[in-house]
Amino acid sequence: MENNSNIELREKIRLGLSLAFKKLVAYKAKNDGVLVFSDQGKIVRVKAKDIKL
């Protein structure tokens, strides 16, 4: 069973990753950039301006 400090740490990490992704998308959208993802092993390129957060 996990203790509360592990749960709190996990939540802080999730929030940090979410914030970092939002900043990345905003930066790429500002500079007309493209993000690259993998969808079931297939490479997919998405314009940052098309991503809705």
PDB file of N, CA and C in Angstrom:
ATOM      1  N   MET A   1       0.841  -1.173   0.000  1.00  0.00           N
ATOM      2  CA  MET A   1       0.000   0.000   0.000  1.00  0.00           C
ATOM      3  C   MET A   1       0.893   1.246   0.000  1.00  0.00           C
ATOM      4  N   GLU A   2       0.524   2.221  -0.806  1.00  0.00           N
ATOM      5  CA  GLU A   2       1.314   3.436  -0.906  1.00  0.00           C
ATOM      6  C   GLU A   2       0.978   4.388   0.244  1.00  0.00           C
ATOM      7  N   ASN A   3       1.995   5.091   0.672  1.00  0.00           N
ATOM      8  CA  ASN A   3       1.720   6.082   1.706  1.00  0.00           C
ATOM      9  C   ASN A   3       1.387   7.422   1.056  1.00  0.00           C
ATOM     10  N   ASN A   4       0.938   8.368   1.851  1.00  0.00           N
ATOM     11  CA  ASN A   4       0.470   9.646   1.322  1.00  0.00           C
ATOM     12  C   ASN A   4       1.565  10.444   0.634  1.00  0.00           C
ATOM     13  N   SER A   5       2.806  10.332   1.106  1.00  0.00           N
ATOM     14  CA  SER A   5       3.877  11.112   0.484  1.00  0.00           C
ATOM     15  C   SER A   5       4.139  10.641  -0.948  1.00  0.00           C
ATOM     16  N   ASN A   6       4.030   9.341  -1.208  1.00  0.00           N
ATOM     17  CA  ASN A   6       4.198   8.830  -2.569  1.00  0.00           C
ATOM     18  C   ASN A   6       3.076   9.310  -3.473  1.00  0.00           C
ATOM     19  N   ILE A   7       1.868   9.325  -2.959  1.00  0.00           N
ATOM     20  CA  ILE A   7       0.721   9.782  -3.744  1.00  0.00           C
ATOM     21  C   ILE A   7       0.867  11.269  -4.056  1.00  0.00           C
ATOM     22  N   GLU A   8       1.279  12.065  -3.078  1.00  0.00           N
ATOM     23  CA  GLU A   8       1.463  13.497  -3.285  1.00  0.00           C
ATOM     24  C   GLU A   8       2.580  13.763  -4.291  1.00  0.00           C
ATOM     25  N   LEU A   9       3.666  13.021  -4.183  1.00  0.00           N
ATOM     26  CA  LEU A   9       4.782  13.180  -5.113  1.00  0.00           C
ATOM     27  C   LEU A   9       4.339  12.835  -6.531  1.00  0.00           C
ATOM     28  N   ARG A  10       3.616  11.754  -6.683  1.00  0.00           N
ATOM     29  CA  ARG A  10       3.127  11.343  -7.997  1.00  0.00           C
ATOM     30  C   ARG A  10       2.233  12.422  -8.607  1.00  0.00           C
ATOM     31  N   GLU A  11       1.376  13.021  -7.799  1.00  0.00           N
ATOM     32  CA  GLU A  11       0.478  14.072  -8.286  1.00  0.00           C
ATOM     33  C   GLU A  11       1.264  15.317  -8.700  1.00  0.00           C
ATOM     34  N   LYS A  12       2.297  15.669  -7.939  1.00  0.00           N
ATOM     35  CA  LYS A  12       3.129  16.814  -8.283  1.00  0.00           C
ATOM     36  C   LYS A  12       3.869  16.573  -9.592  1.00  0.00           C
ATOM     37  N   ILE A  13       4.331  15.356  -9.798  1.00  0.00           N
ATOM     38  CA  ILE A  13       5.027  15.018 -11.046  1.00  0.00           C
ATOM     39  C   ILE A  13       4.062  15.124 -12.219  1.00  0.00           C
ATOM     40  N   ARG A  14       2.849  14.608 -12.063  1.00  0.00           N
ATOM     41  CA  ARG A  14       1.844  14.706 -13.133  1.00  0.00           C
ATOM     42  C   ARG A  14       1.531  16.157 -13.477  1.00  0.00           C
ATOM     43  N   LEU A  15       1.366  16.994 -12.461  1.00  0.00           N
ATOM     44  CA  LEU A  15       1.076  18.405 -12.706  1.00  0.00           C
ATOM     45  C   LEU A  15       2.243  19.083 -13.426  1.00  0.00           C
ATOM     46  N   GLY A  16       3.461  18.751 -13.023  1.00  0.00           N
ATOM     47  CA  GLY A  16       4.646  19.313 -13.668  1.00  0.00           C
ATOM     48  C   GLY A  16       4.758  18.906 -15.122  1.00  0.00           C
ATOM     49  N   LEU A  17       4.488  17.636 -15.420  1.00  0.00           N
ATOM     50  CA  LEU A  17       4.530  17.166 -16.803  1.00  0.00           C
ATOM     51  C   LEU A  17       3.453  17.836 -17.642  1.00  0.00           C
ATOM     52  N   SER A  18       2.281  18.001 -17.068  1.00  0.00           N
ATOM     53  CA  SER A  18       1.191  18.666 -17.778  1.00  0.00           C
ATOM     54  C   SER A  18       1.552  20.111 -18.098  1.00  0.00           C
ATOM     55  N   LEU A  19       2.113  20.820 -17.134  1.00  0.00           N
ATOM     56  CA  LEU A  19       2.513  22.203 -17.338  1.00  0.00           C
ATOM     57  C   LEU A  19       3.617  22.301 -18.398  1.00  0.00           C
ATOM     58  N   ALA A  20       4.587  21.399 -18.348  1.00  0.00           N
ATOM     59  CA  ALA A  20       5.678  21.406 -19.322  1.00  0.00           C
ATOM     60  C   ALA A  20       5.150  21.163 -20.733  1.00  0.00           C
ATOM     61  N   PHE A  21       4.186  20.251 -20.887  1.00  0.00           N
ATOM     62  CA  PHE A  21       3.613  19.975 -22.203  1.00  0.00           C
ATOM     63  C   PHE A  21       2.855  21.185 -22.727  1.00  0.00           C
ATOM     64  N   LYS A  22       2.096  21.851 -21.855  1.00  0.00           N
ATOM     65  CA  LYS A  22       1.358  23.050 -22.272  1.00  0.00           C
ATOM     66  C   LYS A  22       2.312  24.145 -22.726  1.00  0.00           C
ATOM     67  N   LYS A  23       3.419  24.316 -21.999  1.00  0.00           N
ATOM     68  CA  LYS A  23       4.401  25.324 -22.386  1.00  0.00           C
ATOM     69  C   LYS A  23       5.058  24.965 -23.717  1.00  0.00           C
ATOM     70  N   LEU A  24       5.350  23.691 -23.927  1.00  0.00           N
ATOM     71  CA  LEU A  24       5.946  23.246 -25.175  1.00  0.00           C
ATOM     72  C   LEU A  24       5.017  23.518 -26.346  1.00  0.00           C
ATOM     73  N   VAL A  25       3.740  23.184 -26.201  1.00  0.00           N
ATOM     74  CA  VAL A  25       2.768  23.403 -27.268  1.00  0.00           C
ATOM     75  C   VAL A  25       2.630  24.897 -27.553  1.00  0.00           C
ATOM     76  N   ALA A  26       2.577  25.716 -26.514  1.00  0.00           N
ATOM     77  CA  ALA A  26       2.459  27.165 -26.699  1.00  0.00           C
ATOM     78  C   ALA A  26       3.678  27.719 -27.438  1.00  0.00           C
ATOM     79  N   TYR A  27       4.864  27.260 -27.068  1.00  0.00           N
ATOM     80  CA  TYR A  27       6.092  27.729 -27.717  1.00  0.00           C
ATOM     81  C   TYR A  27       6.119  27.315 -29.185  1.00  0.00           C
ATOM     82  N   LYS A  28       5.772  26.054 -29.445  1.00  0.00           N
ATOM     83  CA  LYS A  28       5.782  25.553 -30.817  1.00  0.00           C
ATOM     84  C   LYS A  28       4.717  26.250 -31.665  1.00  0.00           C
ATOM     85  N   ALA A  29       3.550  26.526 -31.093  1.00  0.00           N
ATOM     86  CA  ALA A  29       2.486  27.211 -31.824  1.00  0.00           C
ATOM     87  C   ALA A  29       2.922  28.639 -32.169  1.00  0.00           C
ATOM     88  N   LYS A  30       3.603  29.284 -31.245  1.00  0.00           N
ATOM     89  CA  LYS A  30       4.084  30.653 -31.468  1.00  0.00           C
ATOM     90  C   LYS A  30       5.083  30.697 -32.622  1.00  0.00           C
ATOM     91  N   ASN A  31       5.904  29.659 -32.744  1.00  0.00           N
ATOM     92  CA  ASN A  31       6.943  29.601 -33.770  1.00  0.00           C
ATOM     93  C   ASN A  31       6.544  28.743 -34.968  1.00  0.00           C
ATOM     94  N   ASP A  32       5.246  28.461 -35.105  1.00  0.00           N
ATOM     95  CA  ASP A  32       4.710  27.655 -36.211  1.00  0.00           C
ATOM     96  C   ASP A  32       5.430  26.308 -36.308  1.00  0.00           C
ATOM     97  N   GLY A  33       5.549  25.639 -35.172  1.00  0.00           N
ATOM     98  CA  GLY A  33       6.270  24.380 -35.102  1.00  0.00           C
ATOM     99  C   GLY A  33       5.371  23.158 -35.231  1.00  0.00           C
ATOM    100  N   VAL A  34       6.013  22.010 -35.320  1.00  0.00           N
ATOM    101  CA  VAL A  34       5.340  20.726 -35.467  1.00  0.00           C
ATOM    102  C   VAL A  34       5.787  19.808 -34.331  1.00  0.00           C
ATOM    103  N   LEU A  35       4.843  19.056 -33.775  1.00  0.00           N
ATOM    104  CA  LEU A  35       5.159  18.056 -32.759  1.00  0.00           C
ATOM    105  C   LEU A  35       5.022  16.673 -33.388  1.00  0.00           C
ATOM    106  N   VAL A  36       5.873  15.762 -32.966  1.00  0.00           N
ATOM    107  CA  VAL A  36       5.878  14.409 -33.517  1.00  0.00           C
ATOM    108  C   VAL A  36       5.480  13.429 -32.427  1.00  0.00           C
ATOM    109  N   PHE A  37       4.479  12.587 -32.732  1.00  0.00           N
ATOM    110  CA  PHE A  37       3.979  11.588 -31.800  1.00  0.00           C
ATOM    111  C   PHE A  37       4.025  10.217 -32.454  1.00  0.00           C
ATOM    112  N   SER A  38       3.879   9.196 -31.641  1.00  0.00           N
ATOM    113  CA  SER A  38       3.766   7.836 -32.140  1.00  0.00           C
ATOM    114  C   SER A  38       2.374   7.322 -31.823  1.00  0.00           C
ATOM    115  N   ASP A  39       1.676   6.835 -32.840  1.00  0.00           N
ATOM    116  CA  ASP A  39       0.337   6.283 -32.668  1.00  0.00           C
ATOM    117  C   ASP A  39       0.353   4.834 -33.122  1.00  0.00           C
ATOM    118  N   GLN A  40       0.420   3.922 -32.176  1.00  0.00           N
ATOM    119  CA  GLN A  40       0.476   2.482 -32.430  1.00  0.00           C
ATOM    120  C   GLN A  40       1.639   2.141 -33.357  1.00  0.00           C
ATOM    121  N   GLY A  41       2.798   2.757 -33.085  1.00  0.00           N
ATOM    122  CA  GLY A  41       4.005   2.470 -33.838  1.00  0.00           C
ATOM    123  C   GLY A  41       4.156   3.292 -35.107  1.00  0.00           C
ATOM    124  N   LYS A  42       3.161   4.062 -35.484  1.00  0.00           N
ATOM    125  CA  LYS A  42       3.218   4.893 -36.684  1.00  0.00           C
ATOM    126  C   LYS A  42       3.548   6.331 -36.277  1.00  0.00           C
ATOM    127  N   ILE A  43       4.488   6.958 -36.982  1.00  0.00           N
ATOM    128  CA  ILE A  43       4.889   8.320 -36.676  1.00  0.00           C
ATOM    129  C   ILE A  43       3.854   9.286 -37.229  1.00  0.00           C
ATOM    130  N   VAL A  44       3.404  10.210 -36.351  1.00  0.00           N
ATOM    131  CA  VAL A  44       2.389  11.186 -36.725  1.00  0.00           C
ATOM    132  C   VAL A  44       2.932  12.575 -36.418  1.00  0.00           C
ATOM    133  N   ARG A  45       2.847  13.466 -37.394  1.00  0.00           N
ATOM    134  CA  ARG A  45       3.272  14.857 -37.215  1.00  0.00           C
ATOM    135  C   ARG A  45       2.032  15.729 -37.107  1.00  0.00           C
ATOM    136  N   VAL A  46       2.018  16.599 -36.082  1.00  0.00           N
ATOM    137  CA  VAL A  46       0.868  17.444 -35.822  1.00  0.00           C
ATOM    138  C   VAL A  46       1.347  18.876 -35.647  1.00  0.00           C
ATOM    139  N   LYS A  47       0.696  19.806 -36.351  1.00  0.00           N
ATOM    140  CA  LYS A  47       1.028  21.213 -36.165  1.00  0.00           C
ATOM    141  C   LYS A  47       0.583  21.634 -34.766  1.00  0.00           C
ATOM    142  N   ALA A  48       1.425  22.367 -34.085  1.00  0.00           N
ATOM    143  CA  ALA A  48       1.133  22.773 -32.708  1.00  0.00           C
ATOM    144  C   ALA A  48      -0.127  23.625 -32.638  1.00  0.00           C
ATOM    145  N   LYS A  49      -0.421  24.387 -33.681  1.00  0.00           N
ATOM    146  CA  LYS A  49      -1.612  25.232 -33.694  1.00  0.00           C
ATOM    147  C   LYS A  49      -2.894  24.397 -33.725  1.00  0.00           C
ATOM    148  N   ASP A  50      -2.803  23.145 -34.170  1.00  0.00           N
ATOM    149  CA  ASP A  50      -3.977  22.274 -34.259  1.00  0.00           C
ATOM    150  C   ASP A  50      -4.286  21.558 -32.943  1.00  0.00           C
ATOM    151  N   ILE A  51      -3.385  21.642 -31.970  1.00  0.00           N
ATOM    152  CA  ILE A  51      -3.580  20.952 -30.704  1.00  0.00           C
ATOM    153  C   ILE A  51      -4.420  21.816 -29.768  1.00  0.00           C
ATOM    154  N   LYS A  52      -5.522  21.253 -29.297  1.00  0.00           N
ATOM    155  CA  LYS A  52      -6.406  21.953 -28.362  1.00  0.00           C
ATOM    156  C   LYS A  52      -6.155  21.405 -26.974  1.00  0.00           C
ATOM    157  N   LEU A  53      -5.811  22.277 -26.045  1.00  0.00           N
ATOM    158  CA  LEU A  53      -5.543  21.850 -24.669  1.00  0.00           C
ATOM    159  C   LEU A  53      -6.724  22.126 -23.771  1.00  0.00           C
TER     160      LEU A  53
END
